[in-house]
Protein backbone atom coordinates (compact mmCIF):
# COMPACT_ATOMS: atom_id res chain seq x y z
CA UNK A 1 -45.78 40.70 -72.57
CA UNK A 2 -45.95 37.84 -75.02
CA UNK A 3 -45.44 34.25 -73.96
CA UNK A 4 -42.14 34.16 -75.88
CA UNK A 5 -40.55 36.91 -73.82
CA UNK A 6 -38.79 36.19 -70.55
CA UNK A 7 -39.46 38.19 -67.42
CA UNK A 8 -35.93 39.32 -66.52
CA UNK A 9 -36.74 40.40 -62.95
CA UNK A 10 -38.44 37.09 -62.23
CA UNK A 11 -35.43 35.14 -63.51
CA UNK A 12 -33.08 37.33 -61.48
CA UNK A 13 -35.10 36.86 -58.29
CA UNK A 14 -35.08 33.11 -58.80
CA UNK A 15 -31.32 33.23 -59.38
CA UNK A 16 -30.82 35.08 -56.09
CA UNK A 17 -33.05 32.52 -54.35
CA UNK A 18 -30.97 29.72 -55.89
CA UNK A 19 -27.78 31.39 -54.61
CA UNK A 20 -29.28 31.58 -51.12
CA UNK A 21 -30.18 27.88 -51.18
CA UNK A 22 -26.68 27.06 -52.39
CA UNK A 23 -25.13 28.93 -49.49
CA UNK A 24 -27.45 27.22 -47.02
CA UNK A 25 -26.56 23.80 -48.45
CA UNK A 26 -22.86 24.68 -48.25
CA UNK A 27 -23.15 25.71 -44.59
CA UNK A 28 -25.05 22.51 -43.74
CA UNK A 29 -22.42 20.43 -45.56
CA UNK A 30 -19.59 22.17 -43.69
CA UNK A 31 -21.26 21.74 -40.32
CA UNK A 32 -21.96 18.08 -41.07
CA UNK A 33 -18.43 17.23 -42.26
CA UNK A 34 -16.43 19.36 -39.80
CA UNK A 35 -15.07 17.75 -36.69
CA UNK A 36 -17.24 18.65 -33.70
CA UNK A 37 -14.16 19.39 -31.60
CA UNK A 38 -13.25 22.28 -33.91
CA UNK A 39 -16.70 23.82 -33.51
CA UNK A 40 -16.23 23.95 -29.75
CA UNK A 41 -13.30 26.34 -30.24
CA UNK A 42 -15.65 28.97 -31.66
CA UNK A 43 -16.85 29.70 -28.14
CA UNK A 44 -13.36 30.98 -27.32
CA UNK A 45 -13.67 33.92 -29.72
CA UNK A 46 -14.33 37.19 -27.99
CA UNK A 47 -16.90 39.70 -29.21
CA UNK A 48 -14.07 42.04 -30.20
CA UNK A 49 -12.54 39.35 -32.42
CA UNK A 50 -15.89 38.75 -34.13
CA UNK A 51 -16.36 42.50 -34.71
CA UNK A 52 -12.85 42.78 -36.21
CA UNK A 53 -13.48 39.73 -38.43
CA UNK A 54 -16.80 41.14 -39.70
CA UNK A 55 -15.28 44.58 -40.31
CA UNK A 56 -12.34 43.19 -42.26
CA UNK A 57 -14.70 40.90 -44.17
CA UNK A 58 -16.78 43.78 -45.56
CA UNK A 59 -13.88 46.15 -46.37
CA UNK A 60 -13.20 44.70 -49.85
CA UNK A 61 -16.91 44.86 -50.69
CA UNK A 62 -17.11 48.52 -49.65
CA UNK A 63 -14.07 49.38 -51.79
CA UNK A 64 -15.39 47.46 -54.79
CA UNK A 65 -18.79 49.16 -54.44
CA UNK A 66 -17.01 52.53 -54.44
CA UNK A 67 -15.25 51.55 -57.68
CA UNK A 68 -18.59 50.60 -59.25
CA UNK A 69 -20.13 53.94 -58.25
CA UNK A 70 -17.05 55.78 -59.58
CA UNK A 71 -17.12 54.01 -62.96
CA UNK A 72 -20.90 54.39 -63.16
CA UNK A 73 -20.55 58.16 -62.75
CA UNK A 74 -17.82 58.18 -65.39
CA UNK A 75 -20.15 56.31 -67.76
CA UNK A 76 -23.06 58.61 -66.80
CA UNK A 77 -25.05 55.78 -65.23
CA UNK A 78 -26.96 56.14 -61.99
CA UNK A 79 -26.51 53.75 -59.09
CA UNK A 80 -26.61 54.40 -55.38
CA UNK A 81 -23.82 53.23 -53.13
CA UNK A 82 -26.24 50.90 -51.33
CA UNK A 83 -27.27 49.29 -54.63
CA UNK A 84 -23.61 48.94 -55.60
CA UNK A 85 -22.94 47.13 -52.31
CA UNK A 86 -25.85 44.78 -53.03
CA UNK A 87 -24.49 44.09 -56.54
CA UNK A 88 -20.99 43.41 -55.23
CA UNK A 89 -22.06 41.11 -52.40
CA UNK A 90 -24.49 39.17 -54.60
CA UNK A 91 -21.88 38.76 -57.36
CA UNK A 92 -19.26 37.65 -54.83
CA UNK A 93 -21.58 35.09 -53.28
CA UNK A 94 -22.61 33.88 -56.74
CA UNK A 95 -18.97 33.45 -57.73
CA UNK A 96 -18.52 31.15 -54.74
CA UNK A 97 -21.28 28.89 -56.09
CA UNK A 98 -20.42 29.00 -59.79
CA UNK A 99 -17.48 27.36 -61.54
CA UNK A 100 -14.21 29.24 -61.18
CA UNK A 101 -14.00 30.11 -64.88
CA UNK A 102 -17.46 31.72 -64.77
CA UNK A 103 -17.19 33.62 -61.49
CA UNK A 104 -19.75 36.23 -60.51
CA UNK A 105 -19.59 38.28 -63.71
CA UNK A 106 -22.91 37.04 -65.19
CA UNK A 107 -24.75 37.82 -61.95
CA UNK A 108 -23.07 41.22 -61.70
CA UNK A 109 -24.01 41.97 -65.30
CA UNK A 110 -27.60 40.89 -64.73
CA UNK A 111 -27.93 43.02 -61.61
CA UNK A 112 -26.46 46.10 -63.30
CA UNK A 113 -28.68 45.68 -66.36
CA UNK A 114 -31.64 45.23 -64.01
CA UNK A 115 -30.79 48.62 -62.48
CA UNK A 116 -30.97 50.30 -65.89
CA UNK A 117 -27.36 50.23 -67.07
CA UNK A 118 -26.75 50.10 -70.81
CA UNK A 119 -25.47 46.73 -71.99
CA UNK A 120 -22.30 48.22 -73.46
CA UNK A 121 -21.48 50.02 -70.22
CA UNK A 122 -21.93 46.79 -68.26
CA UNK A 123 -19.57 45.00 -70.63
CA UNK A 124 -17.06 47.84 -70.27
CA UNK A 125 -17.27 47.67 -66.46
CA UNK A 126 -16.74 43.89 -66.46
CA UNK A 127 -13.76 44.24 -68.80
CA UNK A 128 -12.38 47.05 -66.70
CA UNK A 129 -12.42 44.81 -63.62
CA UNK A 130 -10.29 42.26 -65.47
CA UNK A 131 -7.87 44.97 -66.62
CA UNK A 132 -7.60 46.29 -63.05
CA UNK A 133 -6.79 42.76 -61.83
CA UNK A 134 -4.14 42.29 -64.51
CA UNK A 135 -2.48 45.58 -63.60
CA UNK A 136 -2.64 44.78 -59.87
CA UNK A 137 -1.15 41.30 -60.17
CA UNK A 138 1.49 42.33 -62.73
CA UNK A 139 2.58 45.18 -60.47
CA UNK A 140 2.68 42.82 -57.49
CA UNK A 141 4.79 40.25 -59.33
CA UNK A 142 7.22 42.92 -60.59
CA UNK A 143 7.60 44.48 -57.14
CA UNK A 144 8.05 41.06 -55.52
CA UNK A 145 10.74 40.26 -58.10
CA UNK A 146 12.52 43.58 -57.52
CA UNK A 147 12.48 43.24 -53.74
CA UNK A 148 13.59 39.61 -53.77
CA UNK A 149 16.34 39.74 -56.41
CA UNK A 150 18.88 38.23 -53.98
CA UNK A 151 16.61 35.29 -53.22
CA UNK A 152 15.88 34.70 -56.91
CA UNK A 153 19.59 34.75 -57.80
CA UNK A 154 20.34 32.29 -54.95
CA UNK A 155 17.63 29.96 -56.22
CA UNK A 156 18.98 30.29 -59.77
CA UNK A 157 22.53 29.44 -58.68
CA UNK A 158 21.33 26.39 -56.73
CA UNK A 159 19.21 25.18 -59.66
CA UNK A 160 22.20 25.56 -62.00
CA UNK A 161 24.50 23.75 -59.55
CA UNK A 162 21.97 20.94 -59.16
CA UNK A 163 21.56 20.70 -62.95
CA UNK A 164 25.32 20.57 -63.51
CA UNK A 165 25.74 17.97 -60.79
CA UNK A 166 22.94 15.73 -62.04
CA UNK A 167 23.13 16.47 -65.78
CA UNK A 168 23.84 12.86 -66.75
CA UNK A 169 20.78 11.59 -64.87
CA UNK A 170 18.65 14.34 -66.40
CA UNK A 171 19.87 13.52 -69.92
CA UNK A 172 19.13 9.81 -69.46
């Protein structure tokens, strides 16, 4: 390897180390700035509550990993379910440390490319995630609108009545 080339695996390992340090710093900051009285309430959680919390916490990751494996098979790429879980968790943790506009997509792309995915397939999978989100949220908004038509019409009537009543003030 020439001195001009970058060692991708080395950069990726350092990135994961950086993410780990960021999480540790975040936990220390939270423990330092949180009121001590609130921390004492954690002792009141039962073991069953903690198990339920941990189970519900990993459910989205397991589903997202299944989607990655499914799309990888569709694109004729090979990834194990365990590796997909690692990619999903690392990308999710990275998105918590990166700016909101960036998210975890660069880390997810780097991890998938590191596992041998073609660059075009990685780009397709990242784009597909955005399309899935758009469909999900659009469907949710439409269904919420359909099921709350009475509420929306009540709000509309009250806004119109308010506007008619205060039109002179609004014009001025």
